[in-house]
Amino acid sequence: MISIADLKAQMATSRHELYHILDMMPDDKMDFRPGGQAKSAAEILRHIAGCEAWTMELAQKGTAPFPPPDLGVGCTDKAGLKQCLDDVRAKTLAALDAIPQERLADVQRMPWGEEMSVADLLGFTPQHDAWHTGQIAYIQTILGIMDF
């Protein structure tokens, strides 16, 4: 079973990779939408923050309103969005410190009916960062900023 320390290390790595890609995105392109209903980089970051806060609330309390809110609605530039993500991450790390290792094996029911362990639920956070890092990288490819 994964440990709290392992989860924290995965979260640090995924956030580092997200910020690496984000740092290449010009501020004036943060609201660019690649088409259709696709989210802009700014919207993706607000979504990441909301989902992380929601996941932690669900892991701690066993329930959380669904769907997760997008946080940082007032944040539009990279610096403000990063601060929002950093604030959520600080709360996540503090909450992880309060979760006993044995709690990770507990089974949690998701709002959509699926059951998963608390470890798997918390492991969603770094995976979620990675998925959306790829989206932001693709937006940059569309914009011609970088050919990944």
Protein backbone atom coordinates (compact mmCIF):
# COMPACT_ATOMS: atom_id res chain seq x y z
CA MET A 1 0.00 0.00 0.00
CA ILE A 2 1.16 3.50 -0.78
CA SER A 3 2.25 5.69 2.11
CA ILE A 4 1.38 9.30 2.90
CA ALA A 5 5.03 10.16 2.16
CA ASP A 6 4.73 8.51 -1.27
CA LEU A 7 1.55 10.45 -2.03
CA LYS A 8 3.24 13.70 -1.05
CA ALA A 9 6.23 12.90 -3.29
CA GLN A 10 3.94 12.13 -6.23
CA MET A 11 2.05 15.37 -5.63
CA ALA A 12 5.28 17.36 -5.55
CA THR A 13 6.47 15.80 -8.82
CA SER A 14 3.18 16.31 -10.65
CA ARG A 15 2.90 19.92 -9.50
CA HIS A 16 6.49 20.62 -10.53
CA GLU A 17 5.75 19.26 -14.01
CA LEU A 18 2.53 21.29 -14.24
CA TYR A 19 4.36 24.50 -13.33
CA HIS A 20 7.16 23.71 -15.79
CA ILE A 21 4.66 23.56 -18.66
CA LEU A 22 2.64 26.48 -17.29
CA ASP A 23 5.71 28.71 -17.14
CA MET A 24 5.98 28.45 -20.94
CA MET A 25 2.43 29.77 -21.43
CA PRO A 26 2.28 33.54 -22.04
CA ASP A 27 -0.07 35.38 -19.68
CA ASP A 28 -1.98 36.82 -22.62
CA LYS A 29 -2.81 33.30 -23.84
CA MET A 30 -4.17 31.93 -20.55
CA ASP A 31 -7.79 32.43 -21.70
CA PHE A 32 -7.31 30.95 -25.18
CA ARG A 33 -9.82 28.15 -25.81
CA PRO A 34 -8.75 25.63 -28.45
CA GLY A 35 -12.32 25.18 -29.67
CA GLY A 36 -15.74 23.84 -28.83
CA GLN A 37 -16.26 23.35 -25.14
CA ALA A 38 -12.53 22.92 -24.44
CA LYS A 39 -11.27 24.77 -21.39
CA SER A 40 -8.60 27.44 -21.48
CA ALA A 41 -5.40 26.98 -19.44
CA ALA A 42 -6.83 29.33 -16.80
CA GLU A 43 -10.05 27.30 -16.59
CA ILE A 44 -8.05 24.07 -16.36
CA LEU A 45 -6.06 25.44 -13.42
CA ARG A 46 -9.22 26.53 -11.59
CA HIS A 47 -10.62 23.05 -12.22
CA ILE A 48 -7.46 21.40 -10.83
CA ALA A 49 -7.69 23.51 -7.66
CA GLY A 50 -11.36 22.73 -7.15
CA CYS A 51 -10.93 19.01 -7.70
CA GLU A 52 -8.00 18.80 -5.31
CA ALA A 53 -9.93 20.57 -2.56
CA TRP A 54 -12.97 18.36 -3.25
CA THR A 55 -10.91 15.15 -3.21
CA MET A 56 -9.35 16.08 0.12
CA GLU A 57 -12.74 16.96 1.63
CA LEU A 58 -14.16 13.64 0.46
CA ALA A 59 -11.17 11.75 1.89
CA GLN A 60 -11.46 13.53 5.23
CA LYS A 61 -15.22 13.68 5.75
CA GLY A 62 -16.50 10.83 3.60
CA THR A 63 -18.76 13.23 1.71
CA ALA A 64 -18.41 16.35 -0.41
CA PRO A 65 -20.79 18.29 -2.68
CA PHE A 66 -20.66 17.11 -6.28
CA PRO A 67 -19.57 18.28 -8.80
CA PRO A 68 -16.38 19.87 -7.46
CA PRO A 69 -16.28 23.66 -7.63
CA ASP A 70 -13.76 25.52 -9.75
CA LEU A 71 -11.74 27.61 -7.31
CA GLY A 72 -9.91 30.85 -7.96
CA VAL A 73 -12.60 32.34 -10.18
CA GLY A 74 -11.16 35.80 -9.51
CA CYS A 75 -7.66 34.65 -10.48
CA THR A 76 -6.92 35.13 -14.16
CA ASP A 77 -3.19 35.63 -14.48
CA LYS A 78 -0.60 32.90 -13.97
CA ALA A 79 0.67 34.32 -10.70
CA GLY A 80 -2.81 34.43 -9.17
CA LEU A 81 -3.69 30.98 -10.45
CA LYS A 82 -0.46 29.52 -9.11
CA GLN A 83 -1.17 31.15 -5.74
CA CYS A 84 -4.62 29.57 -5.72
CA LEU A 85 -3.10 26.16 -6.52
CA ASP A 86 -0.40 26.67 -3.87
CA ASP A 87 -3.02 27.60 -1.24
CA VAL A 88 -5.05 24.46 -2.00
CA ARG A 89 -1.91 22.32 -1.98
CA ALA A 90 -0.84 23.69 1.42
CA LYS A 91 -4.24 22.67 2.83
CA THR A 92 -3.95 19.26 1.16
CA LEU A 93 -0.52 18.62 2.66
CA ALA A 94 -1.67 19.70 6.12
CA ALA A 95 -4.71 17.43 5.83
CA LEU A 96 -2.53 14.52 4.70
CA ASP A 97 -0.45 14.95 7.84
CA ALA A 98 -3.62 14.42 9.88
CA ILE A 99 -4.69 11.22 8.12
CA PRO A 100 -3.50 8.04 9.80
CA GLN A 101 -1.70 5.64 7.45
CA GLU A 102 -4.24 2.89 8.15
CA ARG A 103 -7.08 5.17 6.92
CA LEU A 104 -5.68 4.81 3.39
CA ALA A 105 -7.06 1.27 3.22
CA ASP A 106 -10.62 2.37 4.06
CA VAL A 107 -13.15 2.08 1.25
CA GLN A 108 -14.88 5.29 0.19
CA ARG A 109 -18.07 5.48 -1.90
CA MET A 110 -17.88 8.04 -4.68
CA PRO A 111 -20.91 10.25 -5.44
CA TRP A 112 -21.41 8.28 -8.68
CA GLY A 113 -21.59 4.95 -6.81
CA GLU A 114 -18.12 3.52 -7.38
CA GLU A 115 -16.12 2.40 -4.36
CA MET A 116 -12.40 2.99 -4.01
CA SER A 117 -9.84 3.07 -1.27
CA VAL A 118 -8.88 6.38 0.28
CA ALA A 119 -5.35 5.75 -1.07
CA ASP A 120 -6.72 5.48 -4.62
CA LEU A 121 -8.87 8.56 -4.10
CA LEU A 122 -5.90 10.60 -2.91
CA GLY A 123 -3.73 9.14 -5.68
CA PHE A 124 -6.11 10.81 -8.12
CA THR A 125 -4.60 14.24 -7.32
CA PRO A 126 -1.16 13.73 -8.93
CA GLN A 127 -2.76 11.83 -11.85
CA HIS A 128 -5.18 14.69 -12.35
CA ASP A 129 -2.30 17.19 -12.40
CA ALA A 130 -0.56 15.06 -15.05
CA TRP A 131 -3.62 14.75 -17.29
CA HIS A 132 -4.23 18.47 -17.28
CA THR A 133 -0.55 19.27 -17.73
CA GLY A 134 -0.87 17.41 -21.02
CA GLN A 135 -3.88 19.51 -21.98
CA ILE A 136 -2.00 22.74 -21.33
CA ALA A 137 0.97 21.43 -23.32
CA TYR A 138 -1.39 20.64 -26.20
CA ILE A 139 -2.86 24.15 -26.07
CA GLN A 140 0.70 25.46 -26.36
CA THR A 141 1.24 23.24 -29.40
CA ILE A 142 -1.89 24.65 -31.03
CA LEU A 143 -0.64 28.18 -30.30
CA GLY A 144 2.80 27.38 -31.75
CA ILE A 145 4.53 28.12 -28.46
CA MET A 146 6.21 24.74 -28.27
CA ASP A 147 6.09 21.59 -30.33
CA PHE A 148 5.95 18.84 -27.75
